[in-house]
Amino acid sequence: MDRSGSAPSLLAYRVEDAARELSMSRRQVYRLLATGELLARKTGSRTLIERVELVRFLRRQRQYRPSGAA
């Protein structure tokens, strides 16, 4: 844990962990990787998605605005 009391962030995530962080399925993450919407690195047989890439992906997404919100 870091000084703030929360668990430290990883620098890179396995597909399963990235899916959990993004609140989506592994299948959805693989689709995003296939279309190039999400970028990853191969390290041996492992596919790793950097934390900064997850943040970039989320920033590119449209923001949700409830209907009736100005």
PDB file of N, CA and C in Angstrom:
ATOM      1  N   MET A   1       0.828  -1.184   0.000  1.00  0.00           N
ATOM      2  CA  MET A   1       0.000   0.000   0.000  1.00  0.00           C
ATOM      3  C   MET A   1       0.872   1.247   0.000  1.00  0.00           C
ATOM      4  N   ASP A   2       0.361   2.303  -0.633  1.00  0.00           N
ATOM      5  CA  ASP A   2       1.098   3.555  -0.613  1.00  0.00           C
ATOM      6  C   ASP A   2       0.679   4.363   0.614  1.00  0.00           C
ATOM      7  N   ARG A   3       1.209   5.568   0.757  1.00  0.00           N
ATOM      8  CA  ARG A   3       0.948   6.376   1.943  1.00  0.00           C
ATOM      9  C   ARG A   3      -0.502   6.809   2.080  1.00  0.00           C
ATOM     10  N   SER A   4      -1.239   6.861   0.982  1.00  0.00           N
ATOM     11  CA  SER A   4      -2.641   7.276   1.050  1.00  0.00           C
ATOM     12  C   SER A   4      -3.532   6.168   1.605  1.00  0.00           C
ATOM     13  N   GLY A   5      -2.987   4.960   1.758  1.00  0.00           N
ATOM     14  CA  GLY A   5      -3.758   3.862   2.299  1.00  0.00           C
ATOM     15  C   GLY A   5      -4.429   3.009   1.242  1.00  0.00           C
ATOM     16  N   SER A   6      -4.292   3.395  -0.019  1.00  0.00           N
ATOM     17  CA  SER A   6      -4.892   2.587  -1.080  1.00  0.00           C
ATOM     18  C   SER A   6      -3.825   1.695  -1.696  1.00  0.00           C
ATOM     19  N   ALA A   7      -4.279   0.676  -2.384  1.00  0.00           N
ATOM     20  CA  ALA A   7      -3.349  -0.249  -3.031  1.00  0.00           C
ATOM     21  C   ALA A   7      -2.602   0.481  -4.144  1.00  0.00           C
ATOM     22  N   PRO A   8      -1.319   0.180  -4.345  1.00  0.00           N
ATOM     23  CA  PRO A   8      -0.565   0.846  -5.405  1.00  0.00           C
ATOM     24  C   PRO A   8      -1.079   0.426  -6.777  1.00  0.00           C
ATOM     25  N   SER A   9      -1.030   1.350  -7.724  1.00  0.00           N
ATOM     26  CA  SER A   9      -1.449   1.046  -9.085  1.00  0.00           C
ATOM     27  C   SER A   9      -0.351   0.277  -9.796  1.00  0.00           C
ATOM     28  N   LEU A  10      -0.746  -0.623 -10.654  1.00  0.00           N
ATOM     29  CA  LEU A  10       0.212  -1.367 -11.457  1.00  0.00           C
ATOM     30  C   LEU A  10       0.625  -0.516 -12.646  1.00  0.00           C
ATOM     31  N   LEU A  11       1.794  -0.774 -13.189  1.00  0.00           N
ATOM     32  CA  LEU A  11       2.238  -0.075 -14.395  1.00  0.00           C
ATOM     33  C   LEU A  11       1.613  -0.672 -15.636  1.00  0.00           C
ATOM     34  N   ALA A  12       1.321  -1.975 -15.594  1.00  0.00           N
ATOM     35  CA  ALA A  12       0.719  -2.666 -16.728  1.00  0.00           C
ATOM     36  C   ALA A  12      -0.186  -3.771 -16.195  1.00  0.00           C
ATOM     37  N   TYR A  13      -1.216  -4.074 -16.991  1.00  0.00           N
ATOM     38  CA  TYR A  13      -2.222  -5.039 -16.581  1.00  0.00           C
ATOM     39  C   TYR A  13      -2.325  -6.170 -17.588  1.00  0.00           C
ATOM     40  N   ARG A  14      -2.570  -7.381 -17.110  1.00  0.00           N
ATOM     41  CA  ARG A  14      -2.938  -8.482 -17.994  1.00  0.00           C
ATOM     42  C   ARG A  14      -4.333  -8.185 -18.520  1.00  0.00           C
ATOM     43  N   VAL A  15      -4.725  -8.831 -19.579  1.00  0.00           N
ATOM     44  CA  VAL A  15      -6.034  -8.573 -20.178  1.00  0.00           C
ATOM     45  C   VAL A  15      -7.147  -8.742 -19.140  1.00  0.00           C
ATOM     46  N   GLU A  16      -7.072  -9.789 -18.349  1.00  0.00           N
ATOM     47  CA  GLU A  16      -8.099 -10.052 -17.343  1.00  0.00           C
ATOM     48  C   GLU A  16      -8.189  -8.906 -16.342  1.00  0.00           C
ATOM     49  N   ASP A  17      -7.022  -8.403 -15.910  1.00  0.00           N
ATOM     50  CA  ASP A  17      -6.995  -7.322 -14.935  1.00  0.00           C
ATOM     51  C   ASP A  17      -7.460  -6.004 -15.555  1.00  0.00           C
ATOM     52  N   ALA A  18      -7.080  -5.758 -16.801  1.00  0.00           N
ATOM     53  CA  ALA A  18      -7.521  -4.553 -17.497  1.00  0.00           C
ATOM     54  C   ALA A  18      -9.040  -4.573 -17.646  1.00  0.00           C
ATOM     55  N   ALA A  19      -9.593  -5.725 -17.970  1.00  0.00           N
ATOM     56  CA  ALA A  19     -11.038  -5.859 -18.102  1.00  0.00           C
ATOM     57  C   ALA A  19     -11.726  -5.513 -16.784  1.00  0.00           C
ATOM     58  N   ARG A  20     -11.183  -6.003 -15.701  1.00  0.00           N
ATOM     59  CA  ARG A  20     -11.755  -5.708 -14.382  1.00  0.00           C
ATOM     60  C   ARG A  20     -11.675  -4.208 -14.094  1.00  0.00           C
ATOM     61  N   GLU A  21     -10.526  -3.588 -14.386  1.00  0.00           N
ATOM     62  CA  GLU A  21     -10.349  -2.155 -14.139  1.00  0.00           C
ATOM     63  C   GLU A  21     -11.310  -1.320 -14.980  1.00  0.00           C
ATOM     64  N   LEU A  22     -11.606  -1.766 -16.190  1.00  0.00           N
ATOM     65  CA  LEU A  22     -12.505  -1.040 -17.087  1.00  0.00           C
ATOM     66  C   LEU A  22     -13.967  -1.441 -16.910  1.00  0.00           C
ATOM     67  N   SER A  23     -14.223  -2.400 -16.030  1.00  0.00           N
ATOM     68  CA  SER A  23     -15.579  -2.917 -15.795  1.00  0.00           C
ATOM     69  C   SER A  23     -16.196  -3.457 -17.079  1.00  0.00           C
ATOM     70  N   MET A  24     -15.416  -4.266 -17.784  1.00  0.00           N
ATOM     71  CA  MET A  24     -15.917  -4.914 -18.990  1.00  0.00           C
ATOM     72  C   MET A  24     -15.390  -6.331 -19.049  1.00  0.00           C
ATOM     73  N   SER A  25     -15.859  -7.080 -20.025  1.00  0.00           N
ATOM     74  CA  SER A  25     -15.443  -8.476 -20.138  1.00  0.00           C
ATOM     75  C   SER A  25     -14.095  -8.589 -20.846  1.00  0.00           C
ATOM     76  N   ARG A  26     -13.451  -9.739 -20.665  1.00  0.00           N
ATOM     77  CA  ARG A  26     -12.203 -10.014 -21.386  1.00  0.00           C
ATOM     78  C   ARG A  26     -12.443  -9.951 -22.878  1.00  0.00           C
ATOM     79  N   ARG A  27     -13.577 -10.481 -23.312  1.00  0.00           N
ATOM     80  CA  ARG A  27     -13.917 -10.493 -24.740  1.00  0.00           C
ATOM     81  C   ARG A  27     -13.966  -9.065 -25.298  1.00  0.00           C
ATOM     82  N   GLN A  28     -14.561  -8.136 -24.544  1.00  0.00           N
ATOM     83  CA  GLN A  28     -14.619  -6.745 -24.982  1.00  0.00           C
ATOM     84  C   GLN A  28     -13.215  -6.148 -25.093  1.00  0.00           C
ATOM     85  N   VAL A  29     -12.355  -6.458 -24.147  1.00  0.00           N
ATOM     86  CA  VAL A  29     -10.984  -5.944 -24.187  1.00  0.00           C
ATOM     87  C   VAL A  29     -10.264  -6.498 -25.408  1.00  0.00           C
ATOM     88  N   TYR A  30     -10.422  -7.792 -25.688  1.00  0.00           N
ATOM     89  CA  TYR A  30      -9.789  -8.363 -26.872  1.00  0.00           C
ATOM     90  C   TYR A  30     -10.312  -7.712 -28.152  1.00  0.00           C
ATOM     91  N   ARG A  31     -11.598  -7.382 -28.189  1.00  0.00           N
ATOM     92  CA  ARG A  31     -12.149  -6.683 -29.362  1.00  0.00           C
ATOM     93  C   ARG A  31     -11.516  -5.302 -29.522  1.00  0.00           C
ATOM     94  N   LEU A  32     -11.359  -4.586 -28.407  1.00  0.00           N
ATOM     95  CA  LEU A  32     -10.728  -3.268 -28.452  1.00  0.00           C
ATOM     96  C   LEU A  32      -9.273  -3.371 -28.919  1.00  0.00           C
ATOM     97  N   LEU A  33      -8.589  -4.420 -28.498  1.00  0.00           N
ATOM     98  CA  LEU A  33      -7.215  -4.643 -28.941  1.00  0.00           C
ATOM     99  C   LEU A  33      -7.183  -4.946 -30.441  1.00  0.00           C
ATOM    100  N   ALA A  34      -8.130  -5.756 -30.906  1.00  0.00           N
ATOM    101  CA  ALA A  34      -8.174  -6.145 -32.320  1.00  0.00           C
ATOM    102  C   ALA A  34      -8.443  -4.949 -33.226  1.00  0.00           C
ATOM    103  N   THR A  35      -9.259  -4.009 -32.754  1.00  0.00           N
ATOM    104  CA  THR A  35      -9.589  -2.834 -33.570  1.00  0.00           C
ATOM    105  C   THR A  35      -8.595  -1.703 -33.402  1.00  0.00           C
ATOM    106  N   GLY A  36      -7.666  -1.840 -32.462  1.00  0.00           N
ATOM    107  CA  GLY A  36      -6.674  -0.796 -32.238  1.00  0.00           C
ATOM    108  C   GLY A  36      -7.157   0.323 -31.334  1.00  0.00           C
ATOM    109  N   GLU A  37      -8.355   0.175 -30.766  1.00  0.00           N
ATOM    110  CA  GLU A  37      -8.867   1.193 -29.849  1.00  0.00           C
ATOM    111  C   GLU A  37      -8.115   1.177 -28.524  1.00  0.00           C
ATOM    112  N   LEU A  38      -7.531   0.038 -28.220  1.00  0.00           N
ATOM    113  CA  LEU A  38      -6.733  -0.139 -27.017  1.00  0.00           C
ATOM    114  C   LEU A  38      -5.431  -0.790 -27.466  1.00  0.00           C
ATOM    115  N   LEU A  39      -4.311  -0.270 -26.988  1.00  0.00           N
ATOM    116  CA  LEU A  39      -3.005  -0.774 -27.401  1.00  0.00           C
ATOM    117  C   LEU A  39      -2.379  -1.604 -26.287  1.00  0.00           C
ATOM    118  N   ALA A  40      -1.617  -2.608 -26.684  1.00  0.00           N
ATOM    119  CA  ALA A  40      -0.976  -3.502 -25.714  1.00  0.00           C
ATOM    120  C   ALA A  40       0.435  -3.831 -26.174  1.00  0.00           C
ATOM    121  N   ARG A  41       1.189  -4.424 -25.284  1.00  0.00           N
ATOM    122  CA  ARG A  41       2.544  -4.897 -25.567  1.00  0.00           C
ATOM    123  C   ARG A  41       2.595  -6.394 -25.279  1.00  0.00           C
ATOM    124  N   LYS A  42       3.387  -7.096 -26.056  1.00  0.00           N
ATOM    125  CA  LYS A  42       3.615  -8.517 -25.795  1.00  0.00           C
ATOM    126  C   LYS A  42       4.940  -8.643 -25.060  1.00  0.00           C
ATOM    127  N   THR A  43       4.934  -9.383 -23.983  1.00  0.00           N
ATOM    128  CA  THR A  43       6.139  -9.701 -23.236  1.00  0.00           C
ATOM    129  C   THR A  43       6.159 -11.213 -23.117  1.00  0.00           C
ATOM    130  N   GLY A  44       6.957 -11.839 -23.971  1.00  0.00           N
ATOM    131  CA  GLY A  44       6.914 -13.295 -24.049  1.00  0.00           C
ATOM    132  C   GLY A  44       5.548 -13.689 -24.565  1.00  0.00           C
ATOM    133  N   SER A  45       4.859 -14.522 -23.832  1.00  0.00           N
ATOM    134  CA  SER A  45       3.515 -14.942 -24.245  1.00  0.00           C
ATOM    135  C   SER A  45       2.422 -14.087 -23.595  1.00  0.00           C
ATOM    136  N   ARG A  46       2.824 -13.129 -22.785  1.00  0.00           N
ATOM    137  CA  ARG A  46       1.850 -12.308 -22.062  1.00  0.00           C
ATOM    138  C   ARG A  46       1.495 -11.046 -22.832  1.00  0.00           C
ATOM    139  N   THR A  47       0.242 -10.696 -22.800  1.00  0.00           N
ATOM    140  CA  THR A  47      -0.234  -9.437 -23.359  1.00  0.00           C
ATOM    141  C   THR A  47      -0.429  -8.487 -22.191  1.00  0.00           C
ATOM    142  N   LEU A  48       0.260  -7.354 -22.242  1.00  0.00           N
ATOM    143  CA  LEU A  48       0.178  -6.377 -21.160  1.00  0.00           C
ATOM    144  C   LEU A  48      -0.329  -5.051 -21.699  1.00  0.00           C
ATOM    145  N   ILE A  49      -1.225  -4.438 -20.954  1.00  0.00           N
ATOM    146  CA  ILE A  49      -1.782  -3.142 -21.311  1.00  0.00           C
ATOM    147  C   ILE A  49      -1.323  -2.151 -20.250  1.00  0.00           C
ATOM    148  N   GLU A  50      -0.607  -1.128 -20.683  1.00  0.00           N
ATOM    149  CA  GLU A  50      -0.077  -0.155 -19.735  1.00  0.00           C
ATOM    150  C   GLU A  50      -1.196   0.665 -19.114  1.00  0.00           C
ATOM    151  N   ARG A  51      -0.998   1.041 -17.860  1.00  0.00           N
ATOM    152  CA  ARG A  51      -1.982   1.862 -17.139  1.00  0.00           C
ATOM    153  C   ARG A  51      -2.281   3.149 -17.895  1.00  0.00           C
ATOM    154  N   VAL A  52      -1.257   3.792 -18.451  1.00  0.00           N
ATOM    155  CA  VAL A  52      -1.489   5.042 -19.188  1.00  0.00           C
ATOM    156  C   VAL A  52      -2.379   4.807 -20.402  1.00  0.00           C
ATOM    157  N   GLU A  53      -2.304   3.625 -21.006  1.00  0.00           N
ATOM    158  CA  GLU A  53      -3.158   3.313 -22.149  1.00  0.00           C
ATOM    159  C   GLU A  53      -4.607   3.164 -21.711  1.00  0.00           C
ATOM    160  N   LEU A  54      -4.835   2.588 -20.545  1.00  0.00           N
ATOM    161  CA  LEU A  54      -6.204   2.488 -20.026  1.00  0.00           C
ATOM    162  C   LEU A  54      -6.782   3.879 -19.793  1.00  0.00           C
ATOM    163  N   VAL A  55      -5.981   4.777 -19.234  1.00  0.00           N
ATOM    164  CA  VAL A  55      -6.427   6.149 -18.985  1.00  0.00           C
ATOM    165  C   VAL A  55      -6.707   6.861 -20.304  1.00  0.00           C
ATOM    166  N   ARG A  56      -5.819   6.713 -21.284  1.00  0.00           N
ATOM    167  CA  ARG A  56      -6.035   7.325 -22.604  1.00  0.00           C
ATOM    168  C   ARG A  56      -7.328   6.814 -23.233  1.00  0.00           C
ATOM    169  N   PHE A  57      -7.549   5.521 -23.152  1.00  0.00           N
ATOM    170  CA  PHE A  57      -8.760   4.930 -23.711  1.00  0.00           C
ATOM    171  C   PHE A  57      -9.993   5.552 -23.070  1.00  0.00           C
ATOM    172  N   LEU A  58     -10.014   5.637 -21.756  1.00  0.00           N
ATOM    173  CA  LEU A  58     -11.176   6.193 -21.068  1.00  0.00           C
ATOM    174  C   LEU A  58     -11.400   7.658 -21.423  1.00  0.00           C
ATOM    175  N   ARG A  59     -10.337   8.412 -21.575  1.00  0.00           N
ATOM    176  CA  ARG A  59     -10.473   9.827 -21.938  1.00  0.00           C
ATOM    177  C   ARG A  59     -11.020  10.016 -23.340  1.00  0.00           C
ATOM    178  N   ARG A  60     -10.789   9.054 -24.223  1.00  0.00           N
ATOM    179  CA  ARG A  60     -11.301   9.151 -25.597  1.00  0.00           C
ATOM    180  C   ARG A  60     -12.781   8.818 -25.693  1.00  0.00           C
ATOM    181  N   GLN A  61     -13.332   8.206 -24.662  1.00  0.00           N
ATOM    182  CA  GLN A  61     -14.731   7.800 -24.691  1.00  0.00           C
ATOM    183  C   GLN A  61     -15.631   8.994 -24.431  1.00  0.00           C
ATOM    184  N   ARG A  62     -16.820   8.954 -25.022  1.00  0.00           N
ATOM    185  CA  ARG A  62     -17.790  10.021 -24.783  1.00  0.00           C
ATOM    186  C   ARG A  62     -18.217  10.001 -23.336  1.00  0.00           C
ATOM    187  N   GLN A  63     -18.400  11.174 -22.783  1.00  0.00           N
ATOM    188  CA  GLN A  63     -18.870  11.249 -21.407  1.00  0.00           C
ATOM    189  C   GLN A  63     -20.363  10.987 -21.360  1.00  0.00           C
ATOM    190  N   TYR A  64     -20.769  10.281 -20.340  1.00  0.00           N
ATOM    191  CA  TYR A  64     -22.181   9.972 -20.135  1.00  0.00           C
ATOM    192  C   TYR A  64     -22.881  11.196 -19.562  1.00  0.00           C
ATOM    193  N   ARG A  65     -23.985  11.563 -20.175  1.00  0.00           N
ATOM    194  CA  ARG A  65     -24.817  12.646 -19.655  1.00  0.00           C
ATOM    195  C   ARG A  65     -26.245  12.133 -19.573  1.00  0.00           C
ATOM    196  N   PRO A  66     -26.784  12.084 -18.361  1.00  0.00           N
ATOM    197  CA  PRO A  66     -28.161  11.607 -18.212  1.00  0.00           C
ATOM    198  C   PRO A  66     -29.119  12.478 -19.026  1.00  0.00           C
ATOM    199  N   SER A  67     -30.192  11.882 -19.523  1.00  0.00           N
ATOM    200  CA  SER A  67     -31.163  12.661 -20.299  1.00  0.00           C
ATOM    201  C   SER A  67     -31.755  13.739 -19.405  1.00  0.00           C
ATOM    202  N   GLY A  68     -31.949  14.905 -19.990  1.00  0.00           N
ATOM    203  CA  GLY A  68     -32.461  16.038 -19.237  1.00  0.00           C
ATOM    204  C   GLY A  68     -31.386  16.886 -18.591  1.00  0.00           C
ATOM    205  N   ALA A  69     -30.126  16.404 -18.635  1.00  0.00           N
ATOM    206  CA  ALA A  69     -29.033  17.189 -18.061  1.00  0.00           C
ATOM    207  C   ALA A  69     -28.599  18.240 -19.058  1.00  0.00           C
ATOM    208  N   ALA A  70     -28.284  19.400 -18.584  1.00  0.00           N
ATOM    209  CA  ALA A  70     -27.869  20.499 -19.477  1.00  0.00           C
ATOM    210  C   ALA A  70     -26.414  20.423 -19.784  1.00  0.00           C
TER     211      ALA A  70
END
